[in-house]
C-alpha atoms as a PDB file:
ATOM      1  CA  MET A   1      -3.567 -31.351  10.321  1.00  0.00           C
ATOM      2  CA  ALA A   2      -1.124 -29.153   8.806  1.00  0.00           C
ATOM      3  CA  PRO A   3      -0.094 -26.311  10.640  1.00  0.00           C
ATOM      4  CA  ALA A   4      -0.483 -22.549   8.982  1.00  0.00           C
ATOM      5  CA  SER A   5       1.649 -21.076   6.934  1.00  0.00           C
ATOM      6  CA  SER A   6       3.543 -18.740   9.009  1.00  0.00           C
ATOM      7  CA  ALA A   7       4.651 -16.627   5.842  1.00  0.00           C
ATOM      8  CA  PRO A   8       3.434 -12.981   6.720  1.00  0.00           C
ATOM      9  CA  PRO A   9       0.815 -11.402   4.478  1.00  0.00           C
ATOM     10  CA  ALA A  10       2.256  -9.409   1.244  1.00  0.00           C
ATOM     11  CA  ASP A  11       3.554  -5.926   1.348  1.00  0.00           C
ATOM     12  CA  PRO A  12       0.294  -3.998  -0.258  1.00  0.00           C
ATOM     13  CA  ALA A  13       2.819  -1.843  -2.064  1.00  0.00           C
ATOM     14  CA  GLU A  14       4.378  -4.651  -3.583  1.00  0.00           C
ATOM     15  CA  SER A  15       1.170  -6.122  -4.981  1.00  0.00           C
ATOM     16  CA  GLN A  16      -0.069  -6.032  -8.985  1.00  0.00           C
ATOM     17  CA  ALA A  17      -3.278  -5.103  -8.193  1.00  0.00           C
ATOM     18  CA  PHE A  18      -2.720  -2.730  -5.787  1.00  0.00           C
ATOM     19  CA  GLN A  19      -0.171  -0.579  -7.932  1.00  0.00           C
ATOM     20  CA  ARG A  20      -2.651  -0.522 -10.699  1.00  0.00           C
ATOM     21  CA  TRP A  21      -5.175   0.686  -8.508  1.00  0.00           C
ATOM     22  CA  LEU A  22      -3.008   3.348  -7.265  1.00  0.00           C
ATOM     23  CA  LYS A  23      -2.281   4.792 -11.405  1.00  0.00           C
ATOM     24  CA  LYS A  24      -6.140   4.340 -12.019  1.00  0.00           C
ATOM     25  CA  ALA A  25      -6.620   6.682  -8.761  1.00  0.00           C
ATOM     26  CA  ALA A  26      -3.991   8.872 -10.064  1.00  0.00           C
ATOM     27  CA  LEU A  27      -4.987   9.472 -13.371  1.00  0.00           C
ATOM     28  CA  LEU A  28      -8.415   9.822 -12.057  1.00  0.00           C
ATOM     29  CA  THR A  29      -7.706  12.388  -9.165  1.00  0.00           C
ATOM     30  CA  GLY A  30      -5.012  13.916 -11.545  1.00  0.00           C
ATOM     31  CA  PHE A  31      -2.248  13.144 -10.024  1.00  0.00           C
ATOM     32  CA  ALA A  32      -0.501  11.298 -12.841  1.00  0.00           C
ATOM     33  CA  THR A  33       2.353  12.269 -14.876  1.00  0.00           C
ATOM     34  CA  PRO A  34       1.890  14.416 -18.132  1.00  0.00           C
ATOM     35  CA  GLU A  35       3.243  10.907 -20.207  1.00  0.00           C
ATOM     36  CA  GLU A  36       0.851   8.404 -18.098  1.00  0.00           C
ATOM     37  CA  GLN A  37      -1.733  10.481 -18.769  1.00  0.00           C
ATOM     38  CA  GLN A  38      -1.457  10.428 -22.300  1.00  0.00           C
ATOM     39  CA  ARG A  39      -0.186   6.829 -22.464  1.00  0.00           C
ATOM     40  CA  TYR A  40      -3.666   6.463 -20.426  1.00  0.00           C
ATOM     41  CA  ASN A  41      -5.901   8.492 -23.205  1.00  0.00           C
ATOM     42  CA  GLU A  42      -4.186   6.739 -25.787  1.00  0.00           C
ATOM     43  CA  GLU A  43      -5.298   3.307 -24.582  1.00  0.00           C
ATOM     44  CA  GLN A  44      -9.007   4.215 -24.048  1.00  0.00           C
ATOM     45  CA  LYS A  45      -9.321   5.555 -27.473  1.00  0.00           C
ATOM     46  CA  HIS A  46      -8.077   2.262 -28.728  1.00  0.00           C
ATOM     47  CA  LEU A  47     -10.076   0.039 -26.476  1.00  0.00           C
ATOM     48  CA  ARG A  48     -13.371   2.430 -27.222  1.00  0.00           C
ATOM     49  CA  CYS A  49     -12.150   2.109 -31.502  1.00  0.00           C
ATOM     50  CA  GLU A  50     -12.014  -1.717 -30.915  1.00  0.00           C
ATOM     51  CA  LYS A  51     -14.795  -2.244 -29.226  1.00  0.00           C
ATOM     52  CA  TRP A  52     -17.307  -0.206 -31.815  1.00  0.00           C
ATOM     53  CA  LYS A  53     -14.868  -2.009 -35.059  1.00  0.00           C
ATOM     54  CA  ASN A  54     -16.298  -5.370 -33.510  1.00  0.00           C
ATOM     55  CA  GLU A  55     -19.977  -4.090 -33.190  1.00  0.00           C
ATOM     56  CA  LEU A  56     -20.029  -2.885 -36.703  1.00  0.00           C
ATOM     57  CA  MET A  57     -18.320  -5.794 -37.889  1.00  0.00           C
ATOM     58  CA  TYR A  58     -21.516  -7.405 -36.680  1.00  0.00           C
ATOM     59  CA  TYR A  59     -24.434  -5.490 -36.614  1.00  0.00           C
ATOM     60  CA  SER A  60     -23.919  -2.470 -39.159  1.00  0.00           C
ATOM     61  CA  PRO A  61     -25.869  -3.107 -42.250  1.00  0.00           C
ATOM     62  CA  SER A  62     -23.566  -1.459 -44.196  1.00  0.00           C
ATOM     63  CA  VAL A  63     -20.372  -3.012 -43.076  1.00  0.00           C
ATOM     64  CA  VAL A  64     -21.869  -6.229 -42.803  1.00  0.00           C
ATOM     65  CA  PHE A  65     -22.716  -6.496 -46.428  1.00  0.00           C
ATOM     66  CA  MET A  66     -19.487  -4.979 -47.574  1.00  0.00           C
ATOM     67  CA  LEU A  67     -17.855  -7.651 -46.036  1.00  0.00           C
ATOM     68  CA  LYS A  68     -20.045 -10.191 -47.133  1.00  0.00           C
ATOM     69  CA  HIS A  69     -19.415  -9.242 -50.963  1.00  0.00           C
ATOM     70  CA  LEU A  70     -15.977  -9.012 -50.538  1.00  0.00           C
ATOM     71  CA  LYS A  71     -15.545 -12.573 -49.163  1.00  0.00           C
ATOM     72  CA  LEU A  72     -17.976 -13.569 -52.325  1.00  0.00           C
ATOM     73  CA  SER A  73     -15.002 -11.892 -54.546  1.00  0.00           C
ATOM     74  CA  GLY A  74     -12.038 -13.517 -52.826  1.00  0.00           C
ATOM     75  CA  CYS A  75     -10.745 -11.054 -50.601  1.00  0.00           C
ATOM     76  CA  ALA A  76     -12.282 -12.182 -47.426  1.00  0.00           C
ATOM     77  CA  VAL A  77     -11.634  -9.591 -44.383  1.00  0.00           C
ATOM     78  CA  PRO A  78     -10.702 -10.693 -41.225  1.00  0.00           C
ATOM     79  CA  PRO A  79     -10.806  -8.442 -38.060  1.00  0.00           C
ATOM     80  CA  SER A  80      -7.179  -8.348 -37.634  1.00  0.00           C
ATOM     81  CA  ASN A  81      -6.829  -7.054 -41.218  1.00  0.00           C
ATOM     82  CA  ILE A  82      -8.833  -3.582 -39.339  1.00  0.00           C
ATOM     83  CA  VAL A  83      -6.527  -1.944 -37.357  1.00  0.00           C
ATOM     84  CA  CYS A  84      -7.286   0.821 -34.681  1.00  0.00           C
ATOM     85  CA  ALA A  85      -4.501   2.892 -34.650  1.00  0.00           C
ATOM     86  CA  PRO A  86      -3.528   6.511 -33.545  1.00  0.00           C
ATOM     87  CA  CYS A  87      -3.545   8.845 -36.506  1.00  0.00           C
ATOM     88  CA  ASP A  88      -2.925  12.747 -37.652  1.00  0.00           C
ATOM     89  CA  LEU A  89      -5.534  14.937 -37.702  1.00  0.00           C
ATOM     90  CA  THR A  90      -5.954  15.246 -41.464  1.00  0.00           C
ATOM     91  CA  ARG A  91      -7.810  11.562 -41.797  1.00  0.00           C
ATOM     92  CA  SER A  92     -10.170   9.127 -40.140  1.00  0.00           C
ATOM     93  CA  GLY A  93      -8.785   5.634 -41.617  1.00  0.00           C
ATOM     94  CA  GLY A  94      -6.987   4.592 -44.620  1.00  0.00           C
ATOM     95  CA  PHE A  95      -6.819   1.529 -46.978  1.00  0.00           C
ATOM     96  CA  ASN A  96      -3.874   0.063 -48.026  1.00  0.00           C
ATOM     97  CA  PRO A  97      -3.762  -1.985 -51.197  1.00  0.00           C
ATOM     98  CA  ALA A  98      -2.128  -4.720 -49.214  1.00  0.00           C
ATOM     99  CA  GLY A  99      -5.160  -5.767 -47.903  1.00  0.00           C
ATOM    100  CA  ALA A 100      -5.478  -3.426 -44.520  1.00  0.00           C
ATOM    101  CA  ILE A 101      -7.707  -0.661 -43.139  1.00  0.00           C
ATOM    102  CA  VAL A 102      -6.637   1.610 -40.358  1.00  0.00           C
ATOM    103  CA  LEU A 103      -9.526   2.909 -38.409  1.00  0.00           C
ATOM    104  CA  CYS A 104      -8.189   6.303 -36.706  1.00  0.00           C
ATOM    105  CA  GLN A 105      -8.844   5.868 -33.250  1.00  0.00           C
ATOM    106  CA  GLY A 106      -9.651   9.076 -31.201  1.00  0.00           C
ATOM    107  CA  HIS A 107     -10.770  10.533 -34.507  1.00  0.00           C
ATOM    108  CA  PHE A 108     -14.662   9.347 -33.650  1.00  0.00           C
ATOM    109  CA  ALA A 109     -17.208  11.323 -31.541  1.00  0.00           C
ATOM    110  CA  GLU A 110     -19.644   9.046 -32.585  1.00  0.00           C
ATOM    111  CA  LYS A 111     -19.710   5.285 -33.548  1.00  0.00           C
ATOM    112  CA  LYS A 112     -22.236   6.430 -36.851  1.00  0.00           C
ATOM    113  CA  HIS A 113     -19.136   8.324 -38.482  1.00  0.00           C
ATOM    114  CA  MET A 114     -16.912   5.416 -37.455  1.00  0.00           C
ATOM    115  CA  GLU A 115     -19.898   3.043 -39.573  1.00  0.00           C
ATOM    116  CA  ASP A 116     -19.415   5.807 -42.758  1.00  0.00           C
ATOM    117  CA  THR A 117     -15.805   5.648 -42.429  1.00  0.00           C
ATOM    118  CA  LEU A 118     -15.056   1.784 -42.123  1.00  0.00           C
ATOM    119  CA  THR A 119     -18.079   1.247 -45.054  1.00  0.00           C
ATOM    120  CA  HIS A 120     -15.873   3.996 -47.206  1.00  0.00           C
ATOM    121  CA  GLU A 121     -12.253   1.919 -46.870  1.00  0.00           C
ATOM    122  CA  LEU A 122     -14.099  -1.489 -47.033  1.00  0.00           C
ATOM    123  CA  ILE A 123     -15.311   0.006 -50.618  1.00  0.00           C
ATOM    124  CA  HIS A 124     -11.792   1.174 -51.570  1.00  0.00           C
ATOM    125  CA  MET A 125     -10.729  -2.011 -50.605  1.00  0.00           C
ATOM    126  CA  TYR A 126     -14.109  -3.953 -52.726  1.00  0.00           C
ATOM    127  CA  ASP A 127     -12.699  -2.103 -56.065  1.00  0.00           C
ATOM    128  CA  HIS A 128      -9.304  -2.833 -55.132  1.00  0.00           C
ATOM    129  CA  CYS A 129     -10.143  -6.648 -55.084  1.00  0.00           C
ATOM    130  CA  LYS A 130     -12.705  -6.741 -57.866  1.00  0.00           C
ATOM    131  CA  PHE A 131     -11.577  -4.068 -60.395  1.00  0.00           C
ATOM    132  CA  LYS A 132      -8.155  -4.056 -59.609  1.00  0.00           C
ATOM    133  CA  VAL A 133      -7.470  -0.565 -59.211  1.00  0.00           C
ATOM    134  CA  ASP A 134      -4.357   1.449 -59.919  1.00  0.00           C
ATOM    135  CA  TRP A 135      -3.903   3.445 -57.120  1.00  0.00           C
ATOM    136  CA  TYR A 136      -1.168   5.623 -58.804  1.00  0.00           C
ATOM    137  CA  ASN A 137      -3.641   6.088 -62.261  1.00  0.00           C
ATOM    138  CA  LEU A 138      -5.355   9.461 -60.851  1.00  0.00           C
ATOM    139  CA  ARG A 139      -8.772   8.677 -62.709  1.00  0.00           C
ATOM    140  CA  HIS A 140      -8.873   4.988 -61.156  1.00  0.00           C
ATOM    141  CA  HIS A 141      -8.165   6.596 -57.695  1.00  0.00           C
ATOM    142  CA  ALA A 142     -10.943   9.030 -58.449  1.00  0.00           C
ATOM    143  CA  CYS A 143     -13.187   6.963 -59.383  1.00  0.00           C
ATOM    144  CA  SER A 144     -12.854   4.569 -56.446  1.00  0.00           C
ATOM    145  CA  GLU A 145     -12.721   7.688 -54.131  1.00  0.00           C
ATOM    146  CA  ILE A 146     -16.144   9.276 -55.927  1.00  0.00           C
ATOM    147  CA  ARG A 147     -18.069   5.917 -55.043  1.00  0.00           C
ATOM    148  CA  ALA A 148     -16.905   5.186 -51.436  1.00  0.00           C
ATOM    149  CA  ASN A 149     -17.810   8.917 -51.102  1.00  0.00           C
ATOM    150  CA  SER A 150     -21.277   8.539 -52.742  1.00  0.00           C
ATOM    151  CA  LEU A 151     -22.071   4.942 -51.057  1.00  0.00           C
ATOM    152  CA  SER A 152     -20.756   4.732 -48.004  1.00  0.00           C
ATOM    153  CA  GLY A 153     -22.729   8.189 -45.668  1.00  0.00           C
ATOM    154  CA  ASP A 154     -19.496  10.262 -46.096  1.00  0.00           C
ATOM    155  CA  CYS A 155     -22.096  12.984 -48.075  1.00  0.00           C
ATOM    156  CA  ARG A 156     -25.190  12.308 -46.418  1.00  0.00           C
ATOM    157  CA  TRP A 157     -26.977  16.103 -46.214  1.00  0.00           C
ATOM    158  CA  LEU A 158     -26.619  15.718 -41.971  1.00  0.00           C
ATOM    159  CA  ARG A 159     -22.921  15.627 -42.052  1.00  0.00           C
ATOM    160  CA  GLU A 160     -22.274  18.163 -45.558  1.00  0.00           C
ATOM    161  CA  LEU A 161     -23.575  21.417 -45.447  1.00  0.00           C
ATOM    162  CA  ASP A 162     -23.344  20.796 -49.327  1.00  0.00           C
ATOM    163  CA  ARG A 163     -24.893  18.174 -51.047  1.00  0.00           C
ATOM    164  CA  GLY A 164     -24.978  15.635 -53.438  1.00  0.00           C
ATOM    165  CA  HIS A 165     -22.027  15.837 -56.232  1.00  0.00           C
ATOM    166  CA  THR A 166     -20.923  19.056 -54.886  1.00  0.00           C
ATOM    167  CA  CYS A 167     -19.475  17.145 -51.529  1.00  0.00           C
ATOM    168  CA  VAL A 168     -18.569  13.633 -53.121  1.00  0.00           C
ATOM    169  CA  ARG A 169     -16.880  15.806 -55.660  1.00  0.00           C
ATOM    170  CA  ARG A 170     -14.748  18.022 -53.172  1.00  0.00           C
ATOM    171  CA  ARG A 171     -14.049  14.854 -51.036  1.00  0.00           C
ATOM    172  CA  ALA A 172     -12.674  12.811 -53.921  1.00  0.00           C
ATOM    173  CA  ILE A 173     -10.128  16.016 -54.586  1.00  0.00           C
ATOM    174  CA  LEU A 174      -8.821  16.028 -51.715  1.00  0.00           C
ATOM    175  CA  SER A 175      -8.028  12.480 -51.677  1.00  0.00           C
ATOM    176  CA  VAL A 176      -6.994  12.150 -55.041  1.00  0.00           C
ATOM    177  CA  GLN A 177      -4.494  15.462 -54.141  1.00  0.00           C
ATOM    178  CA  ALA A 178      -3.123  13.474 -51.309  1.00  0.00           C
ATOM    179  CA  ASN A 179      -1.947  10.702 -53.448  1.00  0.00           C
ATOM    180  CA  PRO A 180       2.088  10.860 -54.418  1.00  0.00           C
ATOM    181  CA  LYS A 181       1.573  10.843 -57.838  1.00  0.00           C
ATOM    182  CA  CYS A 182      -0.470  14.139 -58.023  1.00  0.00           C
ATOM    183  CA  PRO A 183       1.406  16.745 -59.026  1.00  0.00           C
ATOM    184  CA  ASP A 184      -0.788  19.502 -57.624  1.00  0.00           C
ATOM    185  CA  GLU A 185      -4.610  20.366 -56.972  1.00  0.00           C
ATOM    186  CA  ALA A 186      -5.199  21.012 -60.634  1.00  0.00           C
ATOM    187  CA  ALA A 187      -4.493  17.420 -61.823  1.00  0.00           C
ATOM    188  CA  ALA A 188      -6.577  15.869 -58.826  1.00  0.00           C
ATOM    189  CA  GLU A 189      -9.780  18.315 -59.871  1.00  0.00           C
ATOM    190  CA  ARG A 190      -9.211  17.175 -63.476  1.00  0.00           C
ATOM    191  CA  ALA A 191      -8.918  13.824 -62.393  1.00  0.00           C
ATOM    192  CA  VAL A 192     -12.112  13.766 -60.733  1.00  0.00           C
ATOM    193  CA  ASN A 193     -14.154  15.999 -63.339  1.00  0.00           C
ATOM    194  CA  GLU A 194     -13.437  13.866 -66.082  1.00  0.00           C
ATOM    195  CA  VAL A 195     -14.816  10.589 -63.906  1.00  0.00           C
ATOM    196  CA  LEU A 196     -17.521  12.127 -62.951  1.00  0.00           C
ATOM    197  CA  GLY A 197     -18.248  13.288 -66.510  1.00  0.00           C
ATOM    198  CA  GLU A 198     -18.846   9.669 -67.477  1.00  0.00           C
ATOM    199  CA  LEU A 199     -20.313   8.306 -64.609  1.00  0.00           C
ATOM    200  CA  PHE A 200     -23.514  10.806 -64.207  1.00  0.00           C
ATOM    201  CA  GLN A 201     -23.513  11.502 -67.764  1.00  0.00           C
END
């Protein structure tokens, strides 16, 4: 029979598990540094964003529908192309024509808001894939924004006090105005009004 190990037990203070527990206790009791608290908060926002994203990709009717039709159009979207990241406070998400979507972690109080945002960005991705949108053409951009705002749930009456075209128009103007090729609000408004006029004759 082999003799029992004579090594002393590990010092709890050197244990990785103990160090994790100590950090968690400091965070929960308010004894963490502001930097540790900020890092922990961002990690929690990221984890929640990823969890909701994965649930929406498998169980949301609108997201599943858009993913299916993107795939049928030759533009399949793997989960790795939908990224949760910190953003400024002016947006909830974004689409990059290179084939990526950003969901702004921490900007979603509820999963339904994330669902509408993800659907909105997937509509932009579909438009880019199917219609070869030139994002520097303000009319192209306006058309995609009008479609995304109309179809994603962004302008449902529970979210917006103003209804229908007013909401779609206002949100489309704000997005087109953020386009680097848009010289001013008047140009954004003109592009949106022209496209709306053609779409809703």
